[in-house]
Amino acid sequence: MYRMLIPVDRKVDRALHQARYAANLAESGADVEATVLYVDPPGNADAVDVVFDSIDAAVGAADHLEAKGVSVERLVEEGSVVETVLRTADELDSHEIVMGGRKRSGVAQVLLGSTVQDVFVSTERPVTITGAEMVVEDGPRTVIVPVDENKSHARKQAAYVAELGSVAPDVKAVVLHVFPGQDYKGAPPHSFEDNEAAVEAADDLTDRGIEVERIGIGGNVAQKILETTAEREAHGIVMGGRKRSGVQKVLLGSIAQDVLLSADRPVTLTG
């Protein structure tokens, strides 16, 4: 059983994108259990009247999931949104938290919102961020796993994909390493095996029975990630996120920001 926590706000479209992502995993053959959570923050004058059925976004997400055969728990809590999301994820031992992300049009950075940022920086669980123009692919589940030189990040990315593979059949991972800027004439040959983190992640997934494609190419890193995602018609991108210790902000780095801004697939940040 793969447990997904889906915290929603009052934005109906945003909640539906979150639900579509979770339902797509179930349609790929995974046994999915989803908890749709609405948190009523302190100081809400209507708090005494808030029940799940009064939140259109929450009802819409839950109904969509149930229509796709997903077992759904409908939950309303009152309190700090971030603290309640984290506590609920721990209580349910959720494999994944699915958040509704936002983009700031015309600005080359991602506006995740303080709630998404605070959840990501405060949990060790994978956080998947859906978007307003999300493409949901059918068929066998392919995920792009862009790996840099950081072995710790690569291990977490591989662990997430392996967890998916343990519940959903036909999961395929494309482990990708991009040699930054090395697409000019006369650039050195690009060998996947030159990146130890990528090799370790690919070997680990292969050992766990996941089909793996290994790609080592040169060029603009974010651009190559997006191109590979489109070419493989991938279901999502699994990024190794970064955290700024001691500061409650997410430090994703420019590549992760560019991917989040431009990708039309869900992006999972594994920490």
Protein backbone atom coordinates (compact mmCIF):
# COMPACT_ATOMS: atom_id res chain seq x y z
CA MET A 1 0.00 0.00 0.00
CA TYR A 2 1.41 3.37 -1.08
CA ARG A 3 0.20 6.17 1.19
CA MET A 4 -0.12 9.70 -0.22
CA LEU A 5 -1.00 12.80 1.77
CA ILE A 6 -2.72 15.50 -0.29
CA PRO A 7 -3.05 18.80 1.62
CA VAL A 8 -5.41 21.11 -0.26
CA ASP A 9 -6.43 24.72 0.10
CA ARG A 10 -9.60 26.30 -1.33
CA LYS A 11 -8.32 26.46 -4.92
CA VAL A 12 -10.42 23.92 -6.83
CA ASP A 13 -8.15 23.67 -9.90
CA ARG A 14 -5.05 23.28 -7.78
CA ALA A 15 -6.59 20.47 -5.72
CA LEU A 16 -7.72 18.67 -8.87
CA HIS A 17 -4.18 18.71 -10.28
CA GLN A 18 -2.95 17.14 -7.04
CA ALA A 19 -5.66 14.48 -7.23
CA ARG A 20 -4.92 13.75 -10.90
CA TYR A 21 -1.30 13.06 -10.05
CA ALA A 22 -2.21 10.60 -7.29
CA ALA A 23 -4.89 8.93 -9.40
CA ASN A 24 -2.44 8.47 -12.25
CA LEU A 25 -0.16 6.44 -10.01
CA ALA A 26 -3.11 4.24 -9.04
CA GLU A 27 -4.06 3.80 -12.69
CA SER A 28 -0.54 2.55 -13.40
CA GLY A 29 -1.31 -0.42 -11.15
CA ALA A 30 -0.19 0.79 -7.74
CA ASP A 31 -2.27 0.14 -4.64
CA VAL A 32 -2.73 3.73 -3.48
CA GLU A 33 -4.33 5.08 -0.32
CA ALA A 34 -4.84 8.85 -0.29
CA THR A 35 -5.67 11.23 2.54
CA VAL A 36 -7.12 14.52 1.37
CA LEU A 37 -6.43 17.05 4.12
CA TYR A 38 -7.82 20.52 4.58
CA VAL A 39 -6.33 22.56 7.43
CA ASP A 40 -8.34 25.44 8.80
CA PRO A 41 -5.81 27.96 10.12
CA PRO A 42 -6.16 29.68 13.50
CA GLY A 43 -8.16 32.88 13.56
CA ASN A 44 -10.62 31.84 10.88
CA ALA A 45 -13.94 33.39 11.84
CA ASP A 46 -15.80 30.54 10.17
CA ALA A 47 -13.82 27.82 11.91
CA VAL A 48 -16.80 26.36 13.77
CA ASP A 49 -18.60 25.80 10.47
CA VAL A 50 -15.77 24.15 8.57
CA VAL A 51 -16.49 20.55 7.61
CA PHE A 52 -14.94 18.63 4.75
CA ASP A 53 -18.08 18.75 2.60
CA SER A 54 -18.09 22.56 2.75
CA ILE A 55 -14.66 22.78 1.05
CA ASP A 56 -15.29 22.46 -2.69
CA ALA A 57 -11.62 21.89 -3.51
CA ALA A 58 -11.29 19.08 -0.98
CA VAL A 59 -14.52 17.40 -2.10
CA GLY A 60 -13.53 17.67 -5.75
CA ALA A 61 -10.13 16.08 -5.12
CA ALA A 62 -11.57 13.26 -3.03
CA ASP A 63 -14.36 12.55 -5.51
CA HIS A 64 -11.90 12.43 -8.41
CA LEU A 65 -9.68 9.97 -6.55
CA GLU A 66 -12.57 7.72 -5.58
CA ALA A 67 -13.85 7.74 -9.16
CA LYS A 68 -10.45 6.36 -10.18
CA GLY A 69 -10.66 3.57 -7.60
CA VAL A 70 -8.41 5.12 -4.96
CA SER A 71 -9.21 4.55 -1.29
CA VAL A 72 -9.65 8.02 0.24
CA GLU A 73 -9.74 9.36 3.78
CA ARG A 74 -11.33 12.82 4.06
CA LEU A 75 -9.83 14.86 6.85
CA VAL A 76 -10.30 18.37 8.27
CA GLU A 77 -8.01 19.72 10.99
CA GLU A 78 -7.62 23.09 12.67
CA GLY A 79 -4.27 24.65 13.46
CA SER A 80 -1.02 25.67 11.86
CA VAL A 81 -1.10 24.43 8.26
CA VAL A 82 2.55 23.39 8.09
CA GLU A 83 2.64 21.76 11.51
CA THR A 84 -0.60 19.88 10.81
CA VAL A 85 0.62 18.63 7.44
CA LEU A 86 3.88 17.40 8.95
CA ARG A 87 2.16 15.78 11.94
CA THR A 88 -0.42 14.07 9.74
CA ALA A 89 2.26 12.77 7.37
CA ASP A 90 4.10 11.30 10.36
CA GLU A 91 0.96 9.77 11.86
CA LEU A 92 0.04 8.17 8.54
CA ASP A 93 3.65 7.32 7.70
CA SER A 94 3.00 8.78 4.26
CA HIS A 95 5.31 7.75 1.46
CA GLU A 96 4.78 11.06 -0.32
CA ILE A 97 3.26 14.50 0.23
CA VAL A 98 1.60 16.00 -2.84
CA MET A 99 1.48 19.81 -2.78
CA GLY A 100 -0.12 22.26 -5.19
CA GLY A 101 2.65 24.47 -6.53
CA ARG A 102 2.45 27.90 -8.13
CA LYS A 103 4.47 29.70 -10.80
CA ARG A 104 5.16 33.41 -11.12
CA SER A 105 4.63 34.19 -14.80
CA GLY A 106 7.27 36.34 -16.47
CA VAL A 107 9.78 35.95 -13.64
CA ALA A 108 12.62 33.45 -13.85
CA GLN A 109 12.08 31.95 -10.45
CA VAL A 110 9.57 29.68 -8.83
CA LEU A 111 7.02 30.97 -6.41
CA LEU A 112 6.26 27.92 -4.32
CA GLY A 113 4.50 29.73 -1.52
CA SER A 114 5.56 29.72 2.10
CA THR A 115 3.55 26.60 2.97
CA VAL A 116 5.22 24.43 0.34
CA GLN A 117 8.63 25.81 1.27
CA ASP A 118 8.12 25.19 4.98
CA VAL A 119 6.81 21.67 4.41
CA PHE A 120 9.74 20.75 2.19
CA VAL A 121 12.39 22.15 4.50
CA SER A 122 10.86 20.44 7.53
CA THR A 123 10.29 16.89 6.29
CA GLU A 124 12.49 14.07 5.12
CA ARG A 125 9.61 12.67 3.06
CA PRO A 126 9.46 13.19 -0.72
CA VAL A 127 7.37 16.21 -1.69
CA THR A 128 5.80 16.27 -5.13
CA ILE A 129 4.77 19.65 -6.55
CA THR A 130 2.09 19.72 -9.21
CA GLY A 131 1.45 22.62 -11.56
CA ALA A 132 -1.35 24.40 -13.32
CA GLU A 133 -0.42 23.05 -16.77
CA MET A 134 0.47 19.52 -15.71
CA VAL A 135 0.66 16.79 -18.35
CA VAL A 136 -0.47 13.37 -17.12
CA GLU A 137 0.93 10.58 -19.27
CA ASP A 138 -0.68 7.16 -19.61
CA GLY A 139 1.07 3.82 -19.92
CA PRO A 140 4.09 2.39 -18.09
CA ARG A 141 5.46 4.84 -15.54
CA THR A 142 8.70 6.53 -16.62
CA VAL A 143 10.51 8.95 -14.32
CA ILE A 144 13.49 11.13 -15.14
CA VAL A 145 16.16 11.08 -12.42
CA PRO A 146 18.69 13.89 -13.02
CA VAL A 147 21.77 13.24 -10.90
CA ASP A 148 24.60 15.64 -10.17
CA GLU A 149 27.81 14.82 -8.27
CA ASN A 150 26.11 14.52 -4.88
CA LYS A 151 25.88 10.86 -3.86
CA SER A 152 23.60 11.55 -0.90
CA HIS A 153 21.05 13.23 -3.15
CA ALA A 154 21.35 10.42 -5.70
CA ARG A 155 20.68 7.77 -3.06
CA LYS A 156 17.51 9.55 -1.94
CA GLN A 157 16.33 9.93 -5.51
CA ALA A 158 16.91 6.22 -6.14
CA ALA A 159 15.18 5.24 -2.90
CA TYR A 160 12.06 7.17 -3.92
CA VAL A 161 11.93 5.54 -7.36
CA ALA A 162 12.52 2.10 -5.82
CA GLU A 163 9.56 2.68 -3.47
CA LEU A 164 7.38 3.43 -6.49
CA GLY A 165 8.66 0.31 -8.19
CA SER A 166 7.73 -1.80 -5.19
CA VAL A 167 4.02 -1.00 -5.61
CA ALA A 168 3.58 -0.15 -9.30
CA PRO A 169 4.50 -2.49 -12.16
CA ASP A 170 6.51 -1.36 -15.18
CA VAL A 171 8.30 1.56 -13.51
CA LYS A 172 11.24 2.73 -15.62
CA ALA A 173 13.92 5.17 -14.48
CA VAL A 174 15.97 7.33 -16.79
CA VAL A 175 19.05 8.22 -14.76
CA LEU A 176 20.48 11.32 -16.39
CA HIS A 177 23.72 13.18 -15.85
CA VAL A 178 24.33 16.37 -17.80
CA PHE A 179 27.89 17.62 -18.13
CA PRO A 180 27.27 21.38 -17.78
CA GLY A 181 27.91 23.40 -20.91
CA GLN A 182 29.81 20.62 -22.68
CA ASP A 183 27.91 20.67 -25.97
CA TYR A 184 30.36 22.75 -27.96
CA LYS A 185 32.39 21.54 -30.91
CA GLY A 186 35.38 19.61 -29.65
CA ALA A 187 33.87 18.97 -26.21
CA PRO A 188 35.24 15.89 -24.42
CA PRO A 189 33.28 12.64 -24.82
CA HIS A 190 30.49 12.24 -22.29
CA SER A 191 30.52 8.95 -20.44
CA PHE A 192 27.79 8.17 -17.92
CA GLU A 193 30.30 6.05 -16.02
CA ASP A 194 32.39 9.14 -15.24
CA ASN A 195 29.80 10.21 -12.65
CA GLU A 196 30.00 7.96 -9.59
CA ALA A 197 26.72 9.24 -8.11
CA ALA A 198 24.82 8.46 -11.31
CA VAL A 199 26.35 5.00 -11.60
CA GLU A 200 25.56 4.22 -7.96
CA ALA A 201 21.93 5.32 -8.36
CA ALA A 202 21.48 3.35 -11.57
CA ASP A 203 23.10 0.22 -10.13
CA ASP A 204 20.96 0.43 -6.99
CA LEU A 205 17.76 0.68 -9.02
CA THR A 206 18.81 -2.17 -11.30
CA ASP A 207 19.53 -4.35 -8.26
CA ARG A 208 16.00 -3.57 -7.02
CA GLY A 209 14.48 -4.79 -10.27
CA ILE A 210 13.80 -1.38 -11.84
CA GLU A 211 14.41 -1.00 -15.56
CA VAL A 212 17.03 1.73 -15.99
CA GLU A 213 18.17 3.78 -18.95
CA ARG A 214 21.52 5.53 -18.41
CA ILE A 215 22.22 8.81 -20.20
CA GLY A 216 25.30 11.01 -20.05
CA ILE A 217 25.15 14.11 -22.25
CA GLY A 218 26.56 17.61 -22.37
CA GLY A 219 24.74 20.93 -22.50
CA ASN A 220 22.55 23.26 -20.51
CA VAL A 221 21.49 21.14 -17.54
CA ALA A 222 17.90 22.32 -17.08
CA GLN A 223 17.27 22.35 -20.83
CA LYS A 224 18.54 18.78 -21.26
CA ILE A 225 16.42 17.58 -18.34
CA LEU A 226 13.31 19.10 -19.92
CA GLU A 227 14.16 17.80 -23.39
CA THR A 228 14.72 14.28 -22.07
CA THR A 229 11.45 14.44 -20.14
CA ALA A 230 9.52 15.38 -23.28
CA GLU A 231 11.31 12.85 -25.50
CA ARG A 232 10.61 9.97 -23.11
CA GLU A 233 7.04 11.21 -22.41
CA ALA A 234 7.91 10.84 -18.74
CA HIS A 235 5.39 10.92 -15.92
CA GLY A 236 7.56 13.06 -13.67
CA ILE A 237 10.99 14.35 -12.70
CA VAL A 238 12.71 13.33 -9.47
CA MET A 239 15.11 16.04 -8.31
CA GLY A 240 17.57 16.00 -5.46
CA GLY A 241 16.63 19.15 -3.54
CA ARG A 242 18.80 21.14 -1.20
CA LYS A 243 18.11 22.65 2.20
CA ARG A 244 19.66 25.67 3.85
CA SER A 245 20.40 24.55 7.40
CA GLY A 246 19.22 26.82 10.17
CA VAL A 247 17.04 28.94 7.88
CA GLN A 248 13.45 28.09 7.14
CA LYS A 249 13.81 28.57 3.41
CA VAL A 250 14.35 26.14 0.60
CA LEU A 251 17.56 26.44 -1.32
CA LEU A 252 16.81 24.57 -4.53
CA GLY A 253 19.56 25.95 -6.69
CA SER A 254 19.08 27.52 -10.10
CA ILE A 255 18.72 24.22 -11.97
CA ALA A 256 15.90 22.91 -9.80
CA GLN A 257 14.23 26.32 -9.96
CA ASP A 258 14.45 26.37 -13.77
CA VAL A 259 13.04 22.84 -14.00
CA LEU A 260 10.18 23.64 -11.63
CA LEU A 261 9.39 26.81 -13.55
CA SER A 262 9.40 25.19 -16.98
CA ALA A 263 8.37 21.55 -16.54
CA ASP A 264 4.87 20.50 -17.51
CA ARG A 265 5.19 17.32 -15.46
CA PRO A 266 5.06 16.88 -11.69
CA VAL A 267 8.40 17.42 -9.98
CA THR A 268 9.31 15.42 -6.87
CA LEU A 269 11.91 16.86 -4.47
CA THR A 270 13.57 14.18 -2.41
CA GLY A 271 15.80 16.30 -0.18
